[in-house]
Amino acid sequence: MKHSIAQLVALLAVAGTASAQVPVIFQGADLRLGEKLISENRCVACHQQKVGGDGSSIFRPAGKINTAGYLRGMVEQCNTELNLGFFPEEVTAVAAVLNRDHYKFK
């Protein structure tokens, strides 16, 4: 399939825009892995125990998590406290999913 130079430039511009919408710290993160780890480690159930309800009130506590880096740090804190054994790229994957679904840092 042949593309004109204008089409290729347009495709690259769209791709650049999409990646620009994701914080640098999360670019290239494996979102499927993050989703899998969240499910397997019952993160939602733990959050429900901590804050009640559906657990979603744990996201965006007043003034606490206000950057992508801090979000990743909070996931690392869970990893450490619960002895989950996540590798750094797994922590990043989980944080990237949380950012996509709840925080939306750019």
PDB file of N, CA and C in Angstrom:
ATOM      1  N   MET A   1       0.849  -1.166   0.000  1.00  0.00           N
ATOM      2  CA  MET A   1       0.000   0.000   0.000  1.00  0.00           C
ATOM      3  C   MET A   1       0.898   1.232   0.000  1.00  0.00           C
ATOM      4  N   LYS A   2       0.704   2.105  -0.970  1.00  0.00           N
ATOM      5  CA  LYS A   2       1.519   3.313  -1.083  1.00  0.00           C
ATOM      6  C   LYS A   2       0.803   4.480  -0.432  1.00  0.00           C
ATOM      7  N   HIS A   3       1.582   5.319   0.241  1.00  0.00           N
ATOM      8  CA  HIS A   3       1.052   6.537   0.847  1.00  0.00           C
ATOM      9  C   HIS A   3       1.819   7.719   0.277  1.00  0.00           C
ATOM     10  N   SER A   4       1.123   8.810   0.105  1.00  0.00           N
ATOM     11  CA  SER A   4       1.805  10.029  -0.325  1.00  0.00           C
ATOM     12  C   SER A   4       2.567  10.604   0.860  1.00  0.00           C
ATOM     13  N   ILE A   5       3.489  11.488   0.585  1.00  0.00           N
ATOM     14  CA  ILE A   5       4.253  12.131   1.656  1.00  0.00           C
ATOM     15  C   ILE A   5       3.307  12.906   2.569  1.00  0.00           C
ATOM     16  N   ALA A   6       2.313  13.560   1.997  1.00  0.00           N
ATOM     17  CA  ALA A   6       1.353  14.314   2.808  1.00  0.00           C
ATOM     18  C   ALA A   6       0.598  13.386   3.756  1.00  0.00           C
ATOM     19  N   GLN A   7       0.220  12.197   3.282  1.00  0.00           N
ATOM     20  CA  GLN A   7      -0.474  11.240   4.141  1.00  0.00           C
ATOM     21  C   GLN A   7       0.425  10.767   5.273  1.00  0.00           C
ATOM     22  N   LEU A   8       1.690  10.484   4.953  1.00  0.00           N
ATOM     23  CA  LEU A   8       2.629  10.041   5.983  1.00  0.00           C
ATOM     24  C   LEU A   8       2.859  11.125   7.026  1.00  0.00           C
ATOM     25  N   VAL A   9       2.993  12.364   6.585  1.00  0.00           N
ATOM     26  CA  VAL A   9       3.177  13.478   7.520  1.00  0.00           C
ATOM     27  C   VAL A   9       1.954  13.607   8.418  1.00  0.00           C
ATOM     28  N   ALA A  10       0.763  13.471   7.844  1.00  0.00           N
ATOM     29  CA  ALA A  10      -0.467  13.557   8.632  1.00  0.00           C
ATOM     30  C   ALA A  10      -0.538  12.422   9.653  1.00  0.00           C
ATOM     31  N   LEU A  11      -0.168  11.208   9.243  1.00  0.00           N
ATOM     32  CA  LEU A  11      -0.168  10.073  10.171  1.00  0.00           C
ATOM     33  C   LEU A  11       0.816  10.291  11.307  1.00  0.00           C
ATOM     34  N   LEU A  12       1.994  10.792  10.990  1.00  0.00           N
ATOM     35  CA  LEU A  12       2.992  11.063  12.029  1.00  0.00           C
ATOM     36  C   LEU A  12       2.525  12.157  12.976  1.00  0.00           C
ATOM     37  N   ALA A  13       1.842  13.147  12.445  1.00  0.00           N
ATOM     38  CA  ALA A  13       1.337  14.233  13.292  1.00  0.00           C
ATOM     39  C   ALA A  13       0.306  13.707  14.274  1.00  0.00           C
ATOM     40  N   VAL A  14      -0.581  12.847  13.800  1.00  0.00           N
ATOM     41  CA  VAL A  14      -1.592  12.257  14.680  1.00  0.00           C
ATOM     42  C   VAL A  14      -0.924  11.388  15.733  1.00  0.00           C
ATOM     43  N   ALA A  15       0.034  10.574  15.334  1.00  0.00           N
ATOM     44  CA  ALA A  15       0.748   9.718  16.286  1.00  0.00           C
ATOM     45  C   ALA A  15       1.473  10.562  17.312  1.00  0.00           C
ATOM     46  N   GLY A  16       2.089  11.636  16.903  1.00  0.00           N
ATOM     47  CA  GLY A  16       2.793  12.521  17.834  1.00  0.00           C
ATOM     48  C   GLY A  16       1.852  13.176  18.810  1.00  0.00           C
ATOM     49  N   THR A  17       0.666  13.544  18.339  1.00  0.00           N
ATOM     50  CA  THR A  17      -0.331  14.154  19.209  1.00  0.00           C
ATOM     51  C   THR A  17      -0.810  13.163  20.254  1.00  0.00           C
ATOM     52  N   ALA A  18      -1.041  11.930  19.849  1.00  0.00           N
ATOM     53  CA  ALA A  18      -1.524  10.906  20.789  1.00  0.00           C
ATOM     54  C   ALA A  18      -0.498  10.666  21.881  1.00  0.00           C
ATOM     55  N   SER A  19       0.780  10.539  21.526  1.00  0.00           N
ATOM     56  CA  SER A  19       1.785  10.275  22.550  1.00  0.00           C
ATOM     57  C   SER A  19       2.040  11.504  23.410  1.00  0.00           C
ATOM     58  N   ALA A  20       1.787  12.687  22.863  1.00  0.00           N
ATOM     59  CA  ALA A  20       1.973  13.908  23.637  1.00  0.00           C
ATOM     60  C   ALA A  20       0.915  14.035  24.728  1.00  0.00           C
ATOM     61  N   GLN A  21      -0.194  13.314  24.576  1.00  0.00           N
ATOM     62  CA  GLN A  21      -1.263  13.366  25.562  1.00  0.00           C
ATOM     63  C   GLN A  21      -0.980  12.485  26.771  1.00  0.00           C
ATOM     64  N   VAL A  22       0.071  11.698  26.698  1.00  0.00           N
ATOM     65  CA  VAL A  22       0.448  10.792  27.780  1.00  0.00           C
ATOM     66  C   VAL A  22       1.713  11.349  28.422  1.00  0.00           C
ATOM     67  N   PRO A  23       1.748  11.429  29.757  1.00  0.00           N
ATOM     68  CA  PRO A  23       2.980  11.907  30.391  1.00  0.00           C
ATOM     69  C   PRO A  23       4.178  11.074  29.963  1.00  0.00           C
ATOM     70  N   VAL A  24       5.298  11.713  29.837  1.00  0.00           N
ATOM     71  CA  VAL A  24       6.524  11.030  29.407  1.00  0.00           C
ATOM     72  C   VAL A  24       6.777   9.792  30.249  1.00  0.00           C
ATOM     73  N   ILE A  25       6.537   9.869  31.533  1.00  0.00           N
ATOM     74  CA  ILE A  25       6.801   8.747  32.436  1.00  0.00           C
ATOM     75  C   ILE A  25       5.986   7.504  32.063  1.00  0.00           C
ATOM     76  N   PHE A  26       4.847   7.684  31.377  1.00  0.00           N
ATOM     77  CA  PHE A  26       3.983   6.562  31.016  1.00  0.00           C
ATOM     78  C   PHE A  26       4.077   6.175  29.543  1.00  0.00           C
ATOM     79  N   GLN A  27       4.822   6.914  28.746  1.00  0.00           N
ATOM     80  CA  GLN A  27       4.922   6.583  27.327  1.00  0.00           C
ATOM     81  C   GLN A  27       5.586   5.221  27.163  1.00  0.00           C
ATOM     82  N   GLY A  28       4.976   4.393  26.363  1.00  0.00           N
ATOM     83  CA  GLY A  28       5.490   3.052  26.123  1.00  0.00           C
ATOM     84  C   GLY A  28       5.084   2.030  27.179  1.00  0.00           C
ATOM     85  N   ALA A  29       4.324   2.457  28.176  1.00  0.00           N
ATOM     86  CA  ALA A  29       3.890   1.520  29.222  1.00  0.00           C
ATOM     87  C   ALA A  29       2.962   0.471  28.625  1.00  0.00           C
ATOM     88  N   ASP A  30       3.051  -0.730  29.140  1.00  0.00           N
ATOM     89  CA  ASP A  30       2.232  -1.850  28.684  1.00  0.00           C
ATOM     90  C   ASP A  30       0.897  -1.811  29.432  1.00  0.00           C
ATOM     91  N   LEU A  31      -0.105  -1.206  28.798  1.00  0.00           N
ATOM     92  CA  LEU A  31      -1.402  -1.034  29.454  1.00  0.00           C
ATOM     93  C   LEU A  31      -2.106  -2.366  29.709  1.00  0.00           C
ATOM     94  N   ARG A  32      -1.955  -3.312  28.810  1.00  0.00           N
ATOM     95  CA  ARG A  32      -2.572  -4.635  29.042  1.00  0.00           C
ATOM     96  C   ARG A  32      -1.973  -5.293  30.273  1.00  0.00           C
ATOM     97  N   LEU A  33      -0.662  -5.177  30.425  1.00  0.00           N
ATOM     98  CA  LEU A  33      -0.002  -5.721  31.613  1.00  0.00           C
ATOM     99  C   LEU A  33      -0.526  -5.024  32.860  1.00  0.00           C
ATOM    100  N   GLY A  34      -0.657  -3.709  32.813  1.00  0.00           N
ATOM    101  CA  GLY A  34      -1.179  -2.966  33.958  1.00  0.00           C
ATOM    102  C   GLY A  34      -2.573  -3.412  34.342  1.00  0.00           C
ATOM    103  N   GLU A  35      -3.431  -3.574  33.340  1.00  0.00           N
ATOM    104  CA  GLU A  35      -4.798  -4.049  33.602  1.00  0.00           C
ATOM    105  C   GLU A  35      -4.778  -5.433  34.241  1.00  0.00           C
ATOM    106  N   LYS A  36      -3.925  -6.305  33.721  1.00  0.00           N
ATOM    107  CA  LYS A  36      -3.815  -7.668  34.243  1.00  0.00           C
ATOM    108  C   LYS A  36      -3.342  -7.652  35.701  1.00  0.00           C
ATOM    109  N   LEU A  37      -2.331  -6.845  35.995  1.00  0.00           N
ATOM    110  CA  LEU A  37      -1.798  -6.778  37.363  1.00  0.00           C
ATOM    111  C   LEU A  37      -2.828  -6.217  38.336  1.00  0.00           C
ATOM    112  N   ILE A  38      -3.579  -5.222  37.902  1.00  0.00           N
ATOM    113  CA  ILE A  38      -4.634  -4.649  38.752  1.00  0.00           C
ATOM    114  C   ILE A  38      -5.669  -5.715  39.081  1.00  0.00           C
ATOM    115  N   SER A  39      -6.046  -6.491  38.090  1.00  0.00           N
ATOM    116  CA  SER A  39      -7.034  -7.550  38.292  1.00  0.00           C
ATOM    117  C   SER A  39      -6.487  -8.674  39.166  1.00  0.00           C
ATOM    118  N   GLU A  40      -5.323  -9.186  38.819  1.00  0.00           N
ATOM    119  CA  GLU A  40      -4.739 -10.320  39.545  1.00  0.00           C
ATOM    120  C   GLU A  40      -4.431 -10.002  41.010  1.00  0.00           C
ATOM    121  N   ASN A  41      -4.082  -8.760  41.278  1.00  0.00           N
ATOM    122  CA  ASN A  41      -3.695  -8.390  42.644  1.00  0.00           C
ATOM    123  C   ASN A  41      -4.842  -7.775  43.438  1.00  0.00           C
ATOM    124  N   ARG A  42      -6.021  -7.817  42.855  1.00  0.00           N
ATOM    125  CA  ARG A  42      -7.243  -7.384  43.535  1.00  0.00           C
ATOM    126  C   ARG A  42      -7.117  -5.974  44.119  1.00  0.00           C
ATOM    127  N   CYS A  43      -6.576  -5.086  43.322  1.00  0.00           N
ATOM    128  CA  CYS A  43      -6.386  -3.703  43.767  1.00  0.00           C
ATOM    129  C   CYS A  43      -7.707  -3.039  44.140  1.00  0.00           C
ATOM    130  N   VAL A  44      -8.732  -3.270  43.338  1.00  0.00           N
ATOM    131  CA  VAL A  44     -10.031  -2.648  43.606  1.00  0.00           C
ATOM    132  C   VAL A  44     -10.580  -3.121  44.954  1.00  0.00           C
ATOM    133  N   ALA A  45     -10.485  -4.407  45.245  1.00  0.00           N
ATOM    134  CA  ALA A  45     -10.979  -4.942  46.521  1.00  0.00           C
ATOM    135  C   ALA A  45     -10.231  -4.310  47.689  1.00  0.00           C
ATOM    136  N   CYS A  46      -8.938  -4.139  47.550  1.00  0.00           N
ATOM    137  CA  CYS A  46      -8.152  -3.507  48.614  1.00  0.00           C
ATOM    138  C   CYS A  46      -8.597  -2.058  48.820  1.00  0.00           C
ATOM    139  N   HIS A  47      -8.805  -1.342  47.723  1.00  0.00           N
ATOM    140  CA  HIS A  47      -9.253   0.043  47.833  1.00  0.00           C
ATOM    141  C   HIS A  47     -10.645   0.121  48.449  1.00  0.00           C
ATOM    142  N   GLN A  48     -11.503  -0.838  48.129  1.00  0.00           N
ATOM    143  CA  GLN A  48     -12.835  -0.866  48.729  1.00  0.00           C
ATOM    144  C   GLN A  48     -12.741  -1.060  50.236  1.00  0.00           C
ATOM    145  N   GLN A  49     -11.841  -1.913  50.680  1.00  0.00           N
ATOM    146  CA  GLN A  49     -11.643  -2.137  52.117  1.00  0.00           C
ATOM    147  C   GLN A  49     -11.151  -0.870  52.793  1.00  0.00           C
ATOM    148  N   LYS A  50     -10.250  -0.158  52.125  1.00  0.00           N
ATOM    149  CA  LYS A  50      -9.655   1.042  52.731  1.00  0.00           C
ATOM    150  C   LYS A  50     -10.625   2.207  52.826  1.00  0.00           C
ATOM    151  N   VAL A  51     -11.426   2.430  51.762  1.00  0.00           N
ATOM    152  CA  VAL A  51     -12.251   3.636  51.726  1.00  0.00           C
ATOM    153  C   VAL A  51     -13.744   3.376  51.637  1.00  0.00           C
ATOM    154  N   GLY A  52     -14.135   2.099  51.465  1.00  0.00           N
ATOM    155  CA  GLY A  52     -15.551   1.771  51.375  1.00  0.00           C
ATOM    156  C   GLY A  52     -16.127   2.014  49.991  1.00  0.00           C
ATOM    157  N   GLY A  53     -17.397   1.719  49.869  1.00  0.00           N
ATOM    158  CA  GLY A  53     -18.094   1.907  48.593  1.00  0.00           C
ATOM    159  C   GLY A  53     -17.450   1.105  47.481  1.00  0.00           C
ATOM    160  N   ASP A  54     -17.360   1.730  46.308  1.00  0.00           N
ATOM    161  CA  ASP A  54     -16.757   1.044  45.165  1.00  0.00           C
ATOM    162  C   ASP A  54     -15.242   1.228  45.124  1.00  0.00           C
ATOM    163  N   GLY A  55     -14.704   1.939  46.100  1.00  0.00           N
ATOM    164  CA  GLY A  55     -13.257   2.129  46.189  1.00  0.00           C
ATOM    165  C   GLY A  55     -12.726   3.297  45.394  1.00  0.00           C
ATOM    166  N   SER A  56     -13.569   3.908  44.576  1.00  0.00           N
ATOM    167  CA  SER A  56     -13.085   4.965  43.684  1.00  0.00           C
ATOM    168  C   SER A  56     -12.733   6.258  44.414  1.00  0.00           C
ATOM    169  N   SER A  57     -13.218   6.433  45.634  1.00  0.00           N
ATOM    170  CA  SER A  57     -12.883   7.667  46.352  1.00  0.00           C
ATOM    171  C   SER A  57     -11.407   7.721  46.747  1.00  0.00           C
ATOM    172  N   ILE A  58     -10.698   6.621  46.580  1.00  0.00           N
ATOM    173  CA  ILE A  58      -9.262   6.621  46.856  1.00  0.00           C
ATOM    174  C   ILE A  58      -8.509   7.422  45.798  1.00  0.00           C
ATOM    175  N   PHE A  59      -9.127   7.574  44.613  1.00  0.00           N
ATOM    176  CA  PHE A  59      -8.500   8.328  43.544  1.00  0.00           C
ATOM    177  C   PHE A  59      -8.709   9.816  43.759  1.00  0.00           C
ATOM    178  N   ARG A  60      -7.674  10.544  43.559  1.00  0.00           N
ATOM    179  CA  ARG A  60      -7.680  12.001  43.683  1.00  0.00           C
ATOM    180  C   ARG A  60      -8.027  12.483  45.091  1.00  0.00           C
ATOM    181  N   PRO A  61      -7.365  11.951  46.109  1.00  0.00           N
ATOM    182  CA  PRO A  61      -7.606  12.522  47.441  1.00  0.00           C
ATOM    183  C   PRO A  61      -7.178  13.983  47.431  1.00  0.00           C
ATOM    184  N   ALA A  62      -7.901  14.803  48.138  1.00  0.00           N
ATOM    185  CA  ALA A  62      -7.698  16.253  48.109  1.00  0.00           C
ATOM    186  C   ALA A  62      -6.227  16.644  48.200  1.00  0.00           C
ATOM    187  N   GLY A  63      -5.706  17.145  47.095  1.00  0.00           N
ATOM    188  CA  GLY A  63      -4.356  17.698  47.061  1.00  0.00           C
ATOM    189  C   GLY A  63      -3.214  16.708  47.134  1.00  0.00           C
ATOM    190  N   LYS A  64      -3.495  15.416  47.192  1.00  0.00           N
ATOM    191  CA  LYS A  64      -2.421  14.442  47.389  1.00  0.00           C
ATOM    192  C   LYS A  64      -1.694  14.072  46.110  1.00  0.00           C
ATOM    193  N   ILE A  65      -2.405  13.556  45.158  1.00  0.00           N
ATOM    194  CA  ILE A  65      -1.766  13.067  43.930  1.00  0.00           C
ATOM    195  C   ILE A  65      -2.032  14.090  42.832  1.00  0.00           C
ATOM    196  N   ASN A  66      -1.020  14.889  42.534  1.00  0.00           N
ATOM    197  CA  ASN A  66      -1.228  15.965  41.571  1.00  0.00           C
ATOM    198  C   ASN A  66      -0.235  15.961  40.409  1.00  0.00           C
ATOM    199  N   THR A  67       0.565  14.905  40.296  1.00  0.00           N
ATOM    200  CA  THR A  67       1.462  14.759  39.144  1.00  0.00           C
ATOM    201  C   THR A  67       1.542  13.286  38.760  1.00  0.00           C
ATOM    202  N   ALA A  68       1.938  13.052  37.524  1.00  0.00           N
ATOM    203  CA  ALA A  68       2.106  11.674  37.055  1.00  0.00           C
ATOM    204  C   ALA A  68       3.187  10.957  37.861  1.00  0.00           C
ATOM    205  N   GLY A  69       4.254  11.654  38.187  1.00  0.00           N
ATOM    206  CA  GLY A  69       5.329  11.056  38.972  1.00  0.00           C
ATOM    207  C   GLY A  69       4.869  10.650  40.361  1.00  0.00           C
ATOM    208  N   TYR A  70       4.057  11.483  40.965  1.00  0.00           N
ATOM    209  CA  TYR A  70       3.549  11.162  42.297  1.00  0.00           C
ATOM    210  C   TYR A  70       2.591   9.966  42.229  1.00  0.00           C
ATOM    211  N   LEU A  71       1.800   9.887  41.155  1.00  0.00           N
ATOM    212  CA  LEU A  71       0.916   8.734  40.964  1.00  0.00           C
ATOM    213  C   LEU A  71       1.742   7.452  40.886  1.00  0.00           C
ATOM    214  N   ARG A  72       2.804   7.480  40.104  1.00  0.00           N
ATOM    215  CA  ARG A  72       3.665   6.301  39.999  1.00  0.00           C
ATOM    216  C   ARG A  72       4.263   5.961  41.359  1.00  0.00           C
ATOM    217  N   GLY A  73       4.626   6.984  42.118  1.00  0.00           N
ATOM    218  CA  GLY A  73       5.173   6.775  43.454  1.00  0.00           C
ATOM    219  C   GLY A  73       4.173   6.119  44.393  1.00  0.00           C
ATOM    220  N   MET A  74       2.910   6.475  44.271  1.00  0.00           N
ATOM    221  CA  MET A  74       1.885   5.859  45.113  1.00  0.00           C
ATOM    222  C   MET A  74       1.704   4.386  44.763  1.00  0.00           C
ATOM    223  N   VAL A  75       1.795   4.055  43.474  1.00  0.00           N
ATOM    224  CA  VAL A  75       1.719   2.646  43.078  1.00  0.00           C
ATOM    225  C   VAL A  75       2.932   1.901  43.627  1.00  0.00           C
ATOM    226  N   GLU A  76       4.084   2.533  43.575  1.00  0.00           N
ATOM    227  CA  GLU A  76       5.293   1.913  44.148  1.00  0.00           C
ATOM    228  C   GLU A  76       5.122   1.703  45.649  1.00  0.00           C
ATOM    229  N   GLN A  77       4.461   2.640  46.317  1.00  0.00           N
ATOM    230  CA  GLN A  77       4.214   2.493  47.761  1.00  0.00           C
ATOM    231  C   GLN A  77       3.338   1.270  48.030  1.00  0.00           C
ATOM    232  N   CYS A  78       2.285   1.078  47.230  1.00  0.00           N
ATOM    233  CA  CYS A  78       1.460  -0.130  47.376  1.00  0.00           C
ATOM    234  C   CYS A  78       2.307  -1.373  47.126  1.00  0.00           C
ATOM    235  N   ASN A  79       3.126  -1.319  46.094  1.00  0.00           N
ATOM    236  CA  ASN A  79       3.995  -2.441  45.761  1.00  0.00           C
ATOM    237  C   ASN A  79       4.875  -2.820  46.951  1.00  0.00           C
ATOM    238  N   THR A  80       5.440  -1.827  47.598  1.00  0.00           N
ATOM    239  CA  THR A  80       6.345  -2.057  48.731  1.00  0.00           C
ATOM    240  C   THR A  80       5.566  -2.525  49.965  1.00  0.00           C
ATOM    241  N   GLU A  81       4.505  -1.796  50.323  1.00  0.00           N
ATOM    242  CA  GLU A  81       3.740  -2.123  51.532  1.00  0.00           C
ATOM    243  C   GLU A  81       3.114  -3.512  51.464  1.00  0.00           C
ATOM    244  N   LEU A  82       2.654  -3.888  50.293  1.00  0.00           N
ATOM    245  CA  LEU A  82       1.956  -5.167  50.148  1.00  0.00           C
ATOM    246  C   LEU A  82       2.879  -6.279  49.652  1.00  0.00           C
ATOM    247  N   ASN A  83       4.150  -5.952  49.482  1.00  0.00           N
ATOM    248  CA  ASN A  83       5.150  -6.916  49.022  1.00  0.00           C
ATOM    249  C   ASN A  83       4.686  -7.644  47.754  1.00  0.00           C
ATOM    250  N   LEU A  84       4.257  -6.841  46.763  1.00  0.00           N
ATOM    251  CA  LEU A  84       3.724  -7.405  45.522  1.00  0.00           C
ATOM    252  C   LEU A  84       4.817  -7.938  44.604  1.00  0.00           C
ATOM    253  N   GLY A  85       6.010  -7.406  44.716  1.00  0.00           N
ATOM    254  CA  GLY A  85       7.111  -7.885  43.892  1.00  0.00           C
ATOM    255  C   GLY A  85       7.092  -7.381  42.461  1.00  0.00           C
ATOM    256  N   PHE A  86       6.420  -6.241  42.223  1.00  0.00           N
ATOM    257  CA  PHE A  86       6.397  -5.679  40.872  1.00  0.00           C
ATOM    258  C   PHE A  86       7.775  -5.165  40.495  1.00  0.00           C
ATOM    259  N   PHE A  87       8.140  -5.393  39.254  1.00  0.00           N
ATOM    260  CA  PHE A  87       9.328  -4.781  38.680  1.00  0.00           C
ATOM    261  C   PHE A  87       8.986  -3.330  38.324  1.00  0.00           C
ATOM    262  N   PRO A  88       9.985  -2.479  38.147  1.00  0.00           N
ATOM    263  CA  PRO A  88       9.703  -1.066  37.831  1.00  0.00           C
ATOM    264  C   PRO A  88       8.770  -0.869  36.634  1.00  0.00           C
ATOM    265  N   GLU A  89       8.938  -1.660  35.581  1.00  0.00           N
ATOM    266  CA  GLU A  89       8.074  -1.496  34.408  1.00  0.00           C
ATOM    267  C   GLU A  89       6.638  -1.925  34.717  1.00  0.00           C
ATOM    268  N   GLU A  90       6.453  -2.812  35.686  1.00  0.00           N
ATOM    269  CA  GLU A  90       5.110  -3.219  36.086  1.00  0.00           C
ATOM    270  C   GLU A  90       4.440  -2.124  36.911  1.00  0.00           C
ATOM    271  N   VAL A  91       5.199  -1.479  37.778  1.00  0.00           N
ATOM    272  CA  VAL A  91       4.673  -0.335  38.533  1.00  0.00           C
ATOM    273  C   VAL A  91       4.222   0.744  37.557  1.00  0.00           C
ATOM    274  N   THR A  92       5.061   1.012  36.559  1.00  0.00           N
ATOM    275  CA  THR A  92       4.731   2.023  35.559  1.00  0.00           C
ATOM    276  C   THR A  92       3.485   1.625  34.779  1.00  0.00           C
ATOM    277  N   ALA A  93       3.343   0.352  34.439  1.00  0.00           N
ATOM    278  CA  ALA A  93       2.173  -0.120  33.695  1.00  0.00           C
ATOM    279  C   ALA A  93       0.892   0.087  34.497  1.00  0.00           C
ATOM    280  N   VAL A  94       0.925  -0.250  35.775  1.00  0.00           N
ATOM    281  CA  VAL A  94      -0.251  -0.067  36.634  1.00  0.00           C
ATOM    282  C   VAL A  94      -0.582   1.423  36.750  1.00  0.00           C
ATOM    283  N   ALA A  95       0.426   2.242  36.994  1.00  0.00           N
ATOM    284  CA  ALA A  95       0.204   3.680  37.125  1.00  0.00           C
ATOM    285  C   ALA A  95      -0.326   4.272  35.824  1.00  0.00           C
ATOM    286  N   ALA A  96       0.139   3.786  34.691  1.00  0.00           N
ATOM    287  CA  ALA A  96      -0.335   4.290  33.397  1.00  0.00           C
ATOM    288  C   ALA A  96      -1.814   3.975  33.197  1.00  0.00           C
ATOM    289  N   VAL A  97      -2.254   2.796  33.630  1.00  0.00           N
ATOM    290  CA  VAL A  97      -3.673   2.441  33.537  1.00  0.00           C
ATOM    291  C   VAL A  97      -4.487   3.345  34.453  1.00  0.00           C
ATOM    292  N   LEU A  98      -4.013   3.557  35.666  1.00  0.00           N
ATOM    293  CA  LEU A  98      -4.726   4.445  36.592  1.00  0.00           C
ATOM    294  C   LEU A  98      -4.804   5.859  36.036  1.00  0.00           C
ATOM    295  N   ASN A  99      -3.722   6.298  35.399  1.00  0.00           N
ATOM    296  CA  ASN A  99      -3.733   7.627  34.791  1.00  0.00           C
ATOM    297  C   ASN A  99      -4.753   7.691  33.660  1.00  0.00           C
ATOM    298  N   ARG A 100      -4.761   6.678  32.820  1.00  0.00           N
ATOM    299  CA  ARG A 100      -5.694   6.644  31.693  1.00  0.00           C
ATOM    300  C   ARG A 100      -7.151   6.643  32.176  1.00  0.00           C
ATOM    301  N   ASP A 101      -7.430   5.873  33.212  1.00  0.00           N
ATOM    302  CA  ASP A 101      -8.812   5.667  33.650  1.00  0.00           C
ATOM    303  C   ASP A 101      -9.307   6.682  34.678  1.00  0.00           C
ATOM    304  N   HIS A 102      -8.400   7.264  35.464  1.00  0.00           N
ATOM    305  CA  HIS A 102      -8.851   8.113  36.575  1.00  0.00           C
ATOM    306  C   HIS A 102      -8.218   9.495  36.632  1.00  0.00           C
ATOM    307  N   TYR A 103      -6.923   9.596  36.425  1.00  0.00           N
ATOM    308  CA  TYR A 103      -6.210  10.844  36.686  1.00  0.00           C
ATOM    309  C   TYR A 103      -6.092  11.750  35.470  1.00  0.00           C
ATOM    310  N   LYS A 104      -5.782  11.182  34.331  1.00  0.00           N
ATOM    311  CA  LYS A 104      -5.707  11.911  33.063  1.00  0.00           C
ATOM    312  C   LYS A 104      -4.652  13.019  33.057  1.00  0.00           C
ATOM    313  N   PHE A 105      -3.504  12.779  33.690  1.00  0.00           N
ATOM    314  CA  PHE A 105      -2.403  13.731  33.603  1.00  0.00           C
ATOM    315  C   PHE A 105      -1.883  13.740  32.172  1.00  0.00           C
ATOM    316  N   LYS A 106      -1.460  14.895  31.694  1.00  0.00           N
ATOM    317  CA  LYS A 106      -0.933  15.014  30.334  1.00  0.00           C
ATOM    318  C   LYS A 106       0.522  15.375  30.357  1.00  0.00           C
TER     319      LYS A 106
END
